Amino acid sequence: MASGDRPTGRVTAKGAAPGSKRVTPKGSMPSSGRYTPPVPKEYKVSPRWVPVLMFTLLGVGMLMIVTNYLGVLPGGAKNTYLLIGLGLITGGFVTATRYH
């Protein structure tokens, strides 16, 4: 088959996957369209425990790092306390991404 014998343009129907026989009627949007309607505000309310957990993790992590540098924690200043504090702060940031 020469290059001039091939059909040009769209081979599959708009909205259909290659190899499928499904054709979307004109004027209607396929279910796999790009538009996603916005979520109503009444569904975007976070439970009360989300901000409480977020601020608790951030506060305890910060407190652990400060007390580690002051040498108040048992065993003196250790990197383990610093890593636990950073992990708690990271958990606070991850929880903050879930807050609406």
PDB file of N, CA and C in Angstrom:
ATOM      1  N   MET A   1       0.850  -1.169   0.000  1.00  0.00           N
ATOM      2  CA  MET A   1       0.000   0.000   0.000  1.00  0.00           C
ATOM      3  C   MET A   1       0.899   1.237   0.000  1.00  0.00           C
ATOM      4  N   ALA A   2       0.759   2.085  -0.933  1.00  0.00           N
ATOM      5  CA  ALA A   2       1.574   3.286  -1.055  1.00  0.00           C
ATOM      6  C   ALA A   2       1.054   4.357  -0.107  1.00  0.00           C
ATOM      7  N   SER A   3       1.888   5.330   0.167  1.00  0.00           N
ATOM      8  CA  SER A   3       1.491   6.365   1.112  1.00  0.00           C
ATOM      9  C   SER A   3       0.325   7.190   0.592  1.00  0.00           C
ATOM     10  N   GLY A   4       0.134   7.270  -0.687  1.00  0.00           N
ATOM     11  CA  GLY A   4      -0.981   8.016  -1.244  1.00  0.00           C
ATOM     12  C   GLY A   4      -2.294   7.266  -1.163  1.00  0.00           C
ATOM     13  N   ASP A   5      -2.264   5.932  -0.907  1.00  0.00           N
ATOM     14  CA  ASP A   5      -3.475   5.120  -0.838  1.00  0.00           C
ATOM     15  C   ASP A   5      -4.140   5.157   0.528  1.00  0.00           C
ATOM     16  N   ARG A   6      -3.421   5.620   1.538  1.00  0.00           N
ATOM     17  CA  ARG A   6      -3.972   5.626   2.900  1.00  0.00           C
ATOM     18  C   ARG A   6      -4.987   6.746   3.075  1.00  0.00           C
ATOM     19  N   PRO A   7      -6.058   6.476   3.843  1.00  0.00           N
ATOM     20  CA  PRO A   7      -6.991   7.567   4.141  1.00  0.00           C
ATOM     21  C   PRO A   7      -6.345   8.543   5.121  1.00  0.00           C
ATOM     22  N   THR A   8      -6.691   9.780   5.014  1.00  0.00           N
ATOM     23  CA  THR A   8      -6.150  10.794   5.920  1.00  0.00           C
ATOM     24  C   THR A   8      -7.248  11.275   6.839  1.00  0.00           C
ATOM     25  N   GLY A   9      -6.859  11.888   7.911  1.00  0.00           N
ATOM     26  CA  GLY A   9      -7.831  12.430   8.849  1.00  0.00           C
ATOM     27  C   GLY A   9      -8.155  11.441   9.958  1.00  0.00           C
ATOM     28  N   ARG A  10      -9.270  11.647  10.611  1.00  0.00           N
ATOM     29  CA  ARG A  10      -9.676  10.840  11.749  1.00  0.00           C
ATOM     30  C   ARG A  10     -10.124   9.466  11.282  1.00  0.00           C
ATOM     31  N   VAL A  11      -9.583   8.429  11.952  1.00  0.00           N
ATOM     32  CA  VAL A  11      -9.947   7.057  11.611  1.00  0.00           C
ATOM     33  C   VAL A  11     -11.060   6.565  12.521  1.00  0.00           C
ATOM     34  N   THR A  12     -10.972   6.892  13.827  1.00  0.00           N
ATOM     35  CA  THR A  12     -12.014   6.476  14.760  1.00  0.00           C
ATOM     36  C   THR A  12     -12.993   7.626  14.959  1.00  0.00           C
ATOM     37  N   ALA A  13     -14.190   7.285  15.348  1.00  0.00           N
ATOM     38  CA  ALA A  13     -15.200   8.309  15.599  1.00  0.00           C
ATOM     39  C   ALA A  13     -14.811   9.116  16.821  1.00  0.00           C
ATOM     40  N   LYS A  14     -15.192  10.373  16.864  1.00  0.00           N
ATOM     41  CA  LYS A  14     -14.867  11.241  17.980  1.00  0.00           C
ATOM     42  C   LYS A  14     -15.505  10.705  19.254  1.00  0.00           C
ATOM     43  N   GLY A  15     -14.709  10.531  20.289  1.00  0.00           N
ATOM     44  CA  GLY A  15     -15.203  10.012  21.558  1.00  0.00           C
ATOM     45  C   GLY A  15     -15.119   8.510  21.664  1.00  0.00           C
ATOM     46  N   ALA A  16     -14.689   7.819  20.648  1.00  0.00           N
ATOM     47  CA  ALA A  16     -14.586   6.358  20.688  1.00  0.00           C
ATOM     48  C   ALA A  16     -13.124   5.962  20.797  1.00  0.00           C
ATOM     49  N   ALA A  17     -12.872   4.898  21.520  1.00  0.00           N
ATOM     50  CA  ALA A  17     -11.517   4.383  21.635  1.00  0.00           C
ATOM     51  C   ALA A  17     -11.171   3.612  20.374  1.00  0.00           C
ATOM     52  N   PRO A  18      -9.899   3.564  20.003  1.00  0.00           N
ATOM     53  CA  PRO A  18      -9.522   2.798  18.822  1.00  0.00           C
ATOM     54  C   PRO A  18      -9.927   1.332  18.978  1.00  0.00           C
ATOM     55  N   GLY A  19     -10.556   0.798  17.974  1.00  0.00           N
ATOM     56  CA  GLY A  19     -10.983  -0.594  18.003  1.00  0.00           C
ATOM     57  C   GLY A  19     -12.384  -0.798  18.535  1.00  0.00           C
ATOM     58  N   SER A  20     -13.024   0.239  19.094  1.00  0.00           N
ATOM     59  CA  SER A  20     -14.378   0.073  19.620  1.00  0.00           C
ATOM     60  C   SER A  20     -15.393   0.496  18.561  1.00  0.00           C
ATOM     61  N   LYS A  21     -16.578  -0.036  18.697  1.00  0.00           N
ATOM     62  CA  LYS A  21     -17.645   0.260  17.735  1.00  0.00           C
ATOM     63  C   LYS A  21     -18.571   1.358  18.241  1.00  0.00           C
ATOM     64  N   ARG A  22     -18.366   1.823  19.477  1.00  0.00           N
ATOM     65  CA  ARG A  22     -19.255   2.803  20.081  1.00  0.00           C
ATOM     66  C   ARG A  22     -19.031   4.162  19.443  1.00  0.00           C
ATOM     67  N   VAL A  23     -20.107   4.807  19.066  1.00  0.00           N
ATOM     68  CA  VAL A  23     -20.044   6.143  18.483  1.00  0.00           C
ATOM     69  C   VAL A  23     -20.927   7.041  19.323  1.00  0.00           C
ATOM     70  N   THR A  24     -20.408   8.205  19.699  1.00  0.00           N
ATOM     71  CA  THR A  24     -21.162   9.157  20.501  1.00  0.00           C
ATOM     72  C   THR A  24     -22.056   9.976  19.579  1.00  0.00           C
ATOM     73  N   PRO A  25     -23.342  10.102  19.915  1.00  0.00           N
ATOM     74  CA  PRO A  25     -24.224  10.909  19.072  1.00  0.00           C
ATOM     75  C   PRO A  25     -23.776  12.364  19.059  1.00  0.00           C
ATOM     76  N   LYS A  26     -24.035  13.045  17.955  1.00  0.00           N
ATOM     77  CA  LYS A  26     -23.640  14.443  17.841  1.00  0.00           C
ATOM     78  C   LYS A  26     -24.436  15.289  18.837  1.00  0.00           C
ATOM     79  N   GLY A  27     -23.772  16.267  19.386  1.00  0.00           N
ATOM     80  CA  GLY A  27     -24.441  17.171  20.308  1.00  0.00           C
ATOM     81  C   GLY A  27     -24.381  16.715  21.751  1.00  0.00           C
ATOM     82  N   SER A  28     -24.053  15.463  22.017  1.00  0.00           N
ATOM     83  CA  SER A  28     -23.942  15.024  23.399  1.00  0.00           C
ATOM     84  C   SER A  28     -22.478  14.851  23.750  1.00  0.00           C
ATOM     85  N   MET A  29     -22.179  15.047  25.013  1.00  0.00           N
ATOM     86  CA  MET A  29     -20.810  14.959  25.456  1.00  0.00           C
ATOM     87  C   MET A  29     -20.532  13.539  25.919  1.00  0.00           C
ATOM     88  N   PRO A  30     -19.412  12.955  25.551  1.00  0.00           N
ATOM     89  CA  PRO A  30     -19.101  11.601  26.007  1.00  0.00           C
ATOM     90  C   PRO A  30     -18.841  11.581  27.507  1.00  0.00           C
ATOM     91  N   SER A  31     -19.030  10.433  28.131  1.00  0.00           N
ATOM     92  CA  SER A  31     -18.831  10.330  29.570  1.00  0.00           C
ATOM     93  C   SER A  31     -17.376  10.503  29.945  1.00  0.00           C
ATOM     94  N   SER A  32     -16.474  10.354  28.997  1.00  0.00           N
ATOM     95  CA  SER A  32     -15.057  10.533  29.297  1.00  0.00           C
ATOM     96  C   SER A  32     -14.585  11.927  28.912  1.00  0.00           C
ATOM     97  N   GLY A  33     -15.492  12.901  28.889  1.00  0.00           N
ATOM     98  CA  GLY A  33     -15.144  14.265  28.516  1.00  0.00           C
ATOM     99  C   GLY A  33     -14.235  14.902  29.545  1.00  0.00           C
ATOM    100  N   ARG A  34     -13.707  16.038  29.218  1.00  0.00           N
ATOM    101  CA  ARG A  34     -12.765  16.719  30.099  1.00  0.00           C
ATOM    102  C   ARG A  34     -13.454  17.532  31.181  1.00  0.00           C
ATOM    103  N   TYR A  35     -14.677  17.930  30.979  1.00  0.00           N
ATOM    104  CA  TYR A  35     -15.366  18.788  31.946  1.00  0.00           C
ATOM    105  C   TYR A  35     -15.824  17.983  33.149  1.00  0.00           C
ATOM    106  N   THR A  36     -15.481  18.457  34.320  1.00  0.00           N
ATOM    107  CA  THR A  36     -15.971  17.873  35.562  1.00  0.00           C
ATOM    108  C   THR A  36     -16.707  18.983  36.301  1.00  0.00           C
ATOM    109  N   PRO A  37     -17.976  18.779  36.617  1.00  0.00           N
ATOM    110  CA  PRO A  37     -18.706  19.850  37.300  1.00  0.00           C
ATOM    111  C   PRO A  37     -18.127  20.083  38.691  1.00  0.00           C
ATOM    112  N   PRO A  38     -18.179  21.318  39.182  1.00  0.00           N
ATOM    113  CA  PRO A  38     -17.634  21.600  40.514  1.00  0.00           C
ATOM    114  C   PRO A  38     -18.431  20.891  41.600  1.00  0.00           C
ATOM    115  N   VAL A  39     -17.744  20.565  42.683  1.00  0.00           N
ATOM    116  CA  VAL A  39     -18.381  19.901  43.813  1.00  0.00           C
ATOM    117  C   VAL A  39     -19.123  20.960  44.621  1.00  0.00           C
ATOM    118  N   PRO A  40     -20.393  20.721  44.958  1.00  0.00           N
ATOM    119  CA  PRO A  40     -21.138  21.708  45.755  1.00  0.00           C
ATOM    120  C   PRO A  40     -20.483  21.947  47.115  1.00  0.00           C
ATOM    121  N   LYS A  41     -20.678  23.155  47.662  1.00  0.00           N
ATOM    122  CA  LYS A  41     -20.028  23.520  48.918  1.00  0.00           C
ATOM    123  C   LYS A  41     -20.453  22.647  50.092  1.00  0.00           C
ATOM    124  N   GLU A  42     -21.686  22.136  50.068  1.00  0.00           N
ATOM    125  CA  GLU A  42     -22.129  21.336  51.210  1.00  0.00           C
ATOM    126  C   GLU A  42     -21.375  20.017  51.314  1.00  0.00           C
ATOM    127  N   TYR A  43     -20.707  19.594  50.245  1.00  0.00           N
ATOM    128  CA  TYR A  43     -19.909  18.369  50.285  1.00  0.00           C
ATOM    129  C   TYR A  43     -18.458  18.640  50.663  1.00  0.00           C
ATOM    130  N   LYS A  44     -18.056  19.901  50.754  1.00  0.00           N
ATOM    131  CA  LYS A  44     -16.673  20.247  51.023  1.00  0.00           C
ATOM    132  C   LYS A  44     -16.406  20.562  52.489  1.00  0.00           C
ATOM    133  N   VAL A  45     -17.230  20.126  53.388  1.00  0.00           N
ATOM    134  CA  VAL A  45     -17.052  20.422  54.803  1.00  0.00           C
ATOM    135  C   VAL A  45     -16.253  19.293  55.437  1.00  0.00           C
ATOM    136  N   SER A  46     -15.122  19.650  56.043  1.00  0.00           N
ATOM    137  CA  SER A  46     -14.294  18.652  56.709  1.00  0.00           C
ATOM    138  C   SER A  46     -14.848  18.367  58.099  1.00  0.00           C
ATOM    139  N   PRO A  47     -14.634  17.142  58.584  1.00  0.00           N
ATOM    140  CA  PRO A  47     -15.028  16.851  59.964  1.00  0.00           C
ATOM    141  C   PRO A  47     -14.188  17.676  60.942  1.00  0.00           C
ATOM    142  N   ARG A  48     -14.674  17.812  62.147  1.00  0.00           N
ATOM    143  CA  ARG A  48     -14.024  18.639  63.162  1.00  0.00           C
ATOM    144  C   ARG A  48     -12.636  18.111  63.516  1.00  0.00           C
ATOM    145  N   TRP A  49     -12.420  16.783  63.408  1.00  0.00           N
ATOM    146  CA  TRP A  49     -11.156  16.201  63.834  1.00  0.00           C
ATOM    147  C   TRP A  49     -10.001  16.523  62.886  1.00  0.00           C
ATOM    148  N   VAL A  50     -10.275  16.934  61.659  1.00  0.00           N
ATOM    149  CA  VAL A  50      -9.190  17.201  60.705  1.00  0.00           C
ATOM    150  C   VAL A  50      -8.347  18.405  61.144  1.00  0.00           C
ATOM    151  N   PRO A  51      -8.929  19.580  61.414  1.00  0.00           N
ATOM    152  CA  PRO A  51      -8.064  20.678  61.865  1.00  0.00           C
ATOM    153  C   PRO A  51      -7.471  20.438  63.249  1.00  0.00           C
ATOM    154  N   VAL A  52      -8.200  19.725  64.116  1.00  0.00           N
ATOM    155  CA  VAL A  52      -7.654  19.422  65.439  1.00  0.00           C
ATOM    156  C   VAL A  52      -6.423  18.545  65.308  1.00  0.00           C
ATOM    157  N   LEU A  53      -6.503  17.501  64.472  1.00  0.00           N
ATOM    158  CA  LEU A  53      -5.356  16.624  64.256  1.00  0.00           C
ATOM    159  C   LEU A  53      -4.208  17.383  63.598  1.00  0.00           C
ATOM    160  N   MET A  54      -4.526  18.242  62.640  1.00  0.00           N
ATOM    161  CA  MET A  54      -3.493  19.008  61.936  1.00  0.00           C
ATOM    162  C   MET A  54      -2.702  19.877  62.905  1.00  0.00           C
ATOM    163  N   PHE A  55      -3.404  20.672  63.726  1.00  0.00           N
ATOM    164  CA  PHE A  55      -2.709  21.562  64.648  1.00  0.00           C
ATOM    165  C   PHE A  55      -2.005  20.787  65.756  1.00  0.00           C
ATOM    166  N   THR A  56      -2.566  19.662  66.170  1.00  0.00           N
ATOM    167  CA  THR A  56      -1.907  18.840  67.186  1.00  0.00           C
ATOM    168  C   THR A  56      -0.593  18.275  66.664  1.00  0.00           C
ATOM    169  N   LEU A  57      -0.613  17.720  65.448  1.00  0.00           N
ATOM    170  CA  LEU A  57       0.614  17.173  64.878  1.00  0.00           C
ATOM    171  C   LEU A  57       1.671  18.255  64.672  1.00  0.00           C
ATOM    172  N   LEU A  58       1.263  19.413  64.154  1.00  0.00           N
ATOM    173  CA  LEU A  58       2.216  20.503  63.960  1.00  0.00           C
ATOM    174  C   LEU A  58       2.787  20.994  65.290  1.00  0.00           C
ATOM    175  N   GLY A  59       1.927  21.150  66.298  1.00  0.00           N
ATOM    176  CA  GLY A  59       2.375  21.647  67.603  1.00  0.00           C
ATOM    177  C   GLY A  59       3.276  20.674  68.329  1.00  0.00           C
ATOM    178  N   VAL A  60       2.897  19.404  68.350  1.00  0.00           N
ATOM    179  CA  VAL A  60       3.715  18.402  69.044  1.00  0.00           C
ATOM    180  C   VAL A  60       5.049  18.216  68.333  1.00  0.00           C
ATOM    181  N   GLY A  61       5.038  18.240  66.993  1.00  0.00           N
ATOM    182  CA  GLY A  61       6.291  18.133  66.256  1.00  0.00           C
ATOM    183  C   GLY A  61       7.225  19.293  66.537  1.00  0.00           C
ATOM    184  N   MET A  62       6.678  20.509  66.547  1.00  0.00           N
ATOM    185  CA  MET A  62       7.492  21.677  66.840  1.00  0.00           C
ATOM    186  C   MET A  62       8.016  21.630  68.280  1.00  0.00           C
ATOM    187  N   LEU A  63       7.155  21.231  69.211  1.00  0.00           N
ATOM    188  CA  LEU A  63       7.555  21.135  70.611  1.00  0.00           C
ATOM    189  C   LEU A  63       8.660  20.096  70.798  1.00  0.00           C
ATOM    190  N   MET A  64       8.565  18.978  70.085  1.00  0.00           N
ATOM    191  CA  MET A  64       9.584  17.938  70.205  1.00  0.00           C
ATOM    192  C   MET A  64      10.932  18.421  69.669  1.00  0.00           C
ATOM    193  N   ILE A  65      10.930  19.170  68.581  1.00  0.00           N
ATOM    194  CA  ILE A  65      12.186  19.685  68.039  1.00  0.00           C
ATOM    195  C   ILE A  65      12.811  20.711  68.985  1.00  0.00           C
ATOM    196  N   VAL A  66      11.997  21.597  69.537  1.00  0.00           N
ATOM    197  CA  VAL A  66      12.518  22.617  70.456  1.00  0.00           C
ATOM    198  C   VAL A  66      13.064  21.971  71.722  1.00  0.00           C
ATOM    199  N   THR A  67      12.311  21.028  72.301  1.00  0.00           N
ATOM    200  CA  THR A  67      12.800  20.374  73.519  1.00  0.00           C
ATOM    201  C   THR A  67      14.018  19.490  73.235  1.00  0.00           C
ATOM    202  N   ASN A  68      14.160  18.989  72.016  1.00  0.00           N
ATOM    203  CA  ASN A  68      15.360  18.233  71.657  1.00  0.00           C
ATOM    204  C   ASN A  68      16.583  19.146  71.696  1.00  0.00           C
ATOM    205  N   TYR A  69      16.458  20.338  71.136  1.00  0.00           N
ATOM    206  CA  TYR A  69      17.591  21.256  71.137  1.00  0.00           C
ATOM    207  C   TYR A  69      17.887  21.818  72.522  1.00  0.00           C
ATOM    208  N   LEU A  70      16.895  21.882  73.378  1.00  0.00           N
ATOM    209  CA  LEU A  70      17.130  22.323  74.749  1.00  0.00           C
ATOM    210  C   LEU A  70      17.711  21.205  75.610  1.00  0.00           C
ATOM    211  N   GLY A  71      17.655  19.983  75.138  1.00  0.00           N
ATOM    212  CA  GLY A  71      18.201  18.849  75.876  1.00  0.00           C
ATOM    213  C   GLY A  71      17.307  18.391  77.019  1.00  0.00           C
ATOM    214  N   VAL A  72      16.029  18.680  76.967  1.00  0.00           N
ATOM    215  CA  VAL A  72      15.098  18.340  78.044  1.00  0.00           C
ATOM    216  C   VAL A  72      14.616  16.898  77.933  1.00  0.00           C
ATOM    217  N   LEU A  73      14.561  16.369  76.742  1.00  0.00           N
ATOM    218  CA  LEU A  73      14.043  15.011  76.537  1.00  0.00           C
ATOM    219  C   LEU A  73      15.010  13.984  77.123  1.00  0.00           C
ATOM    220  N   PRO A  74      14.499  12.815  77.552  1.00  0.00           N
ATOM    221  CA  PRO A  74      15.389  11.803  78.142  1.00  0.00           C
ATOM    222  C   PRO A  74      16.428  11.315  77.122  1.00  0.00           C
ATOM    223  N   GLY A  75      17.664  11.192  77.582  1.00  0.00           N
ATOM    224  CA  GLY A  75      18.741  10.743  76.713  1.00  0.00           C
ATOM    225  C   GLY A  75      19.477  11.888  76.048  1.00  0.00           C
ATOM    226  N   GLY A  76      19.118  13.127  76.362  1.00  0.00           N
ATOM    227  CA  GLY A  76      19.793  14.273  75.758  1.00  0.00           C
ATOM    228  C   GLY A  76      19.314  14.521  74.337  1.00  0.00           C
ATOM    229  N   ALA A  77      20.100  15.298  73.603  1.00  0.00           N
ATOM    230  CA  ALA A  77      19.748  15.645  72.227  1.00  0.00           C
ATOM    231  C   ALA A  77      20.129  14.485  71.308  1.00  0.00           C
ATOM    232  N   LYS A  78      19.107  13.886  70.700  1.00  0.00           N
ATOM    233  CA  LYS A  78      19.331  12.774  69.782  1.00  0.00           C
ATOM    234  C   LYS A  78      18.687  13.089  68.439  1.00  0.00           C
ATOM    235  N   ASN A  79      19.250  12.524  67.398  1.00  0.00           N
ATOM    236  CA  ASN A  79      18.667  12.706  66.077  1.00  0.00           C
ATOM    237  C   ASN A  79      17.320  12.001  65.958  1.00  0.00           C
ATOM    238  N   THR A  80      17.094  10.981  66.769  1.00  0.00           N
ATOM    239  CA  THR A  80      15.820  10.260  66.721  1.00  0.00           C
ATOM    240  C   THR A  80      14.658  11.185  67.066  1.00  0.00           C
ATOM    241  N   TYR A  81      14.838  12.009  68.103  1.00  0.00           N
ATOM    242  CA  TYR A  81      13.781  12.953  68.476  1.00  0.00           C
ATOM    243  C   TYR A  81      13.546  13.979  67.364  1.00  0.00           C
ATOM    244  N   LEU A  82      14.626  14.397  66.731  1.00  0.00           N
ATOM    245  CA  LEU A  82      14.499  15.355  65.644  1.00  0.00           C
ATOM    246  C   LEU A  82      13.723  14.749  64.477  1.00  0.00           C
ATOM    247  N   LEU A  83      14.017  13.512  64.131  1.00  0.00           N
ATOM    248  CA  LEU A  83      13.313  12.853  63.031  1.00  0.00           C
ATOM    249  C   LEU A  83      11.848  12.604  63.367  1.00  0.00           C
ATOM    250  N   ILE A  84      11.560  12.243  64.617  1.00  0.00           N
ATOM    251  CA  ILE A  84      10.160  12.055  65.023  1.00  0.00           C
ATOM    252  C   ILE A  84       9.408  13.383  64.929  1.00  0.00           C
ATOM    253  N   GLY A  85      10.032  14.472  65.372  1.00  0.00           N
ATOM    254  CA  GLY A  85       9.406  15.790  65.280  1.00  0.00           C
ATOM    255  C   GLY A  85       9.149  16.198  63.842  1.00  0.00           C
ATOM    256  N   LEU A  86      10.121  15.962  62.972  1.00  0.00           N
ATOM    257  CA  LEU A  86       9.921  16.278  61.559  1.00  0.00           C
ATOM    258  C   LEU A  86       8.831  15.408  60.939  1.00  0.00           C
ATOM    259  N   GLY A  87       8.757  14.148  61.368  1.00  0.00           N
ATOM    260  CA  GLY A  87       7.693  13.266  60.881  1.00  0.00           C
ATOM    261  C   GLY A  87       6.318  13.744  61.325  1.00  0.00           C
ATOM    262  N   LEU A  88       6.221  14.222  62.566  1.00  0.00           N
ATOM    263  CA  LEU A  88       4.947  14.751  63.050  1.00  0.00           C
ATOM    264  C   LEU A  88       4.543  16.013  62.284  1.00  0.00           C
ATOM    265  N   ILE A  89       5.505  16.874  62.003  1.00  0.00           N
ATOM    266  CA  ILE A  89       5.206  18.085  61.236  1.00  0.00           C
ATOM    267  C   ILE A  89       4.778  17.719  59.815  1.00  0.00           C
ATOM    268  N   THR A  90       5.441  16.730  59.225  1.00  0.00           N
ATOM    269  CA  THR A  90       5.045  16.278  57.893  1.00  0.00           C
ATOM    270  C   THR A  90       3.628  15.722  57.914  1.00  0.00           C
ATOM    271  N   GLY A  91       3.298  14.965  58.958  1.00  0.00           N
ATOM    272  CA  GLY A  91       1.933  14.467  59.099  1.00  0.00           C
ATOM    273  C   GLY A  91       0.926  15.597  59.226  1.00  0.00           C
ATOM    274  N   GLY A  92       1.310  16.680  59.894  1.00  0.00           N
ATOM    275  CA  GLY A  92       0.443  17.854  59.992  1.00  0.00           C
ATOM    276  C   GLY A  92       0.205  18.506  58.645  1.00  0.00           C
ATOM    277  N   PHE A  93       1.266  18.592  57.831  1.00  0.00           N
ATOM    278  CA  PHE A  93       1.099  19.162  56.487  1.00  0.00           C
ATOM    279  C   PHE A  93       0.240  18.264  55.597  1.00  0.00           C
ATOM    280  N   VAL A  94       0.421  16.963  55.709  1.00  0.00           N
ATOM    281  CA  VAL A  94      -0.405  16.039  54.920  1.00  0.00           C
ATOM    282  C   VAL A  94      -1.871  16.158  55.330  1.00  0.00           C
ATOM    283  N   THR A  95      -2.108  16.280  56.625  1.00  0.00           N
ATOM    284  CA  THR A  95      -3.487  16.459  57.103  1.00  0.00           C
ATOM    285  C   THR A  95      -4.054  17.797  56.627  1.00  0.00           C
ATOM    286  N   ALA A  96      -3.203  18.810  56.539  1.00  0.00           N
ATOM    287  CA  ALA A  96      -3.681  20.134  56.077  1.00  0.00           C
ATOM    288  C   ALA A  96      -4.158  20.090  54.639  1.00  0.00           C
ATOM    289  N   THR A  97      -3.625  19.181  53.836  1.00  0.00           N
ATOM    290  CA  THR A  97      -4.093  19.088  52.449  1.00  0.00           C
ATOM    291  C   THR A  97      -5.492  18.490  52.361  1.00  0.00           C
ATOM    292  N   ARG A  98      -5.964  17.853  53.407  1.00  0.00           N
ATOM    293  CA  ARG A  98      -7.303  17.258  53.425  1.00  0.00           C
ATOM    294  C   ARG A  98      -8.356  18.186  54.003  1.00  0.00           C
ATOM    295  N   TYR A  99      -7.932  19.355  54.491  1.00  0.00           N
ATOM    296  CA  TYR A  99      -8.865  20.283  55.136  1.00  0.00           C
ATOM    297  C   TYR A  99      -9.572  21.149  54.108  1.00  0.00           C
ATOM    298  N   HIS A 100     -10.900  21.224  54.195  1.00  0.00           N
ATOM    299  CA  HIS A 100     -11.698  22.073  53.314  1.00  0.00           C
ATOM    300  C   HIS A 100     -12.445  23.090  54.122  1.00  0.00           C
TER     301      HIS A 100
END
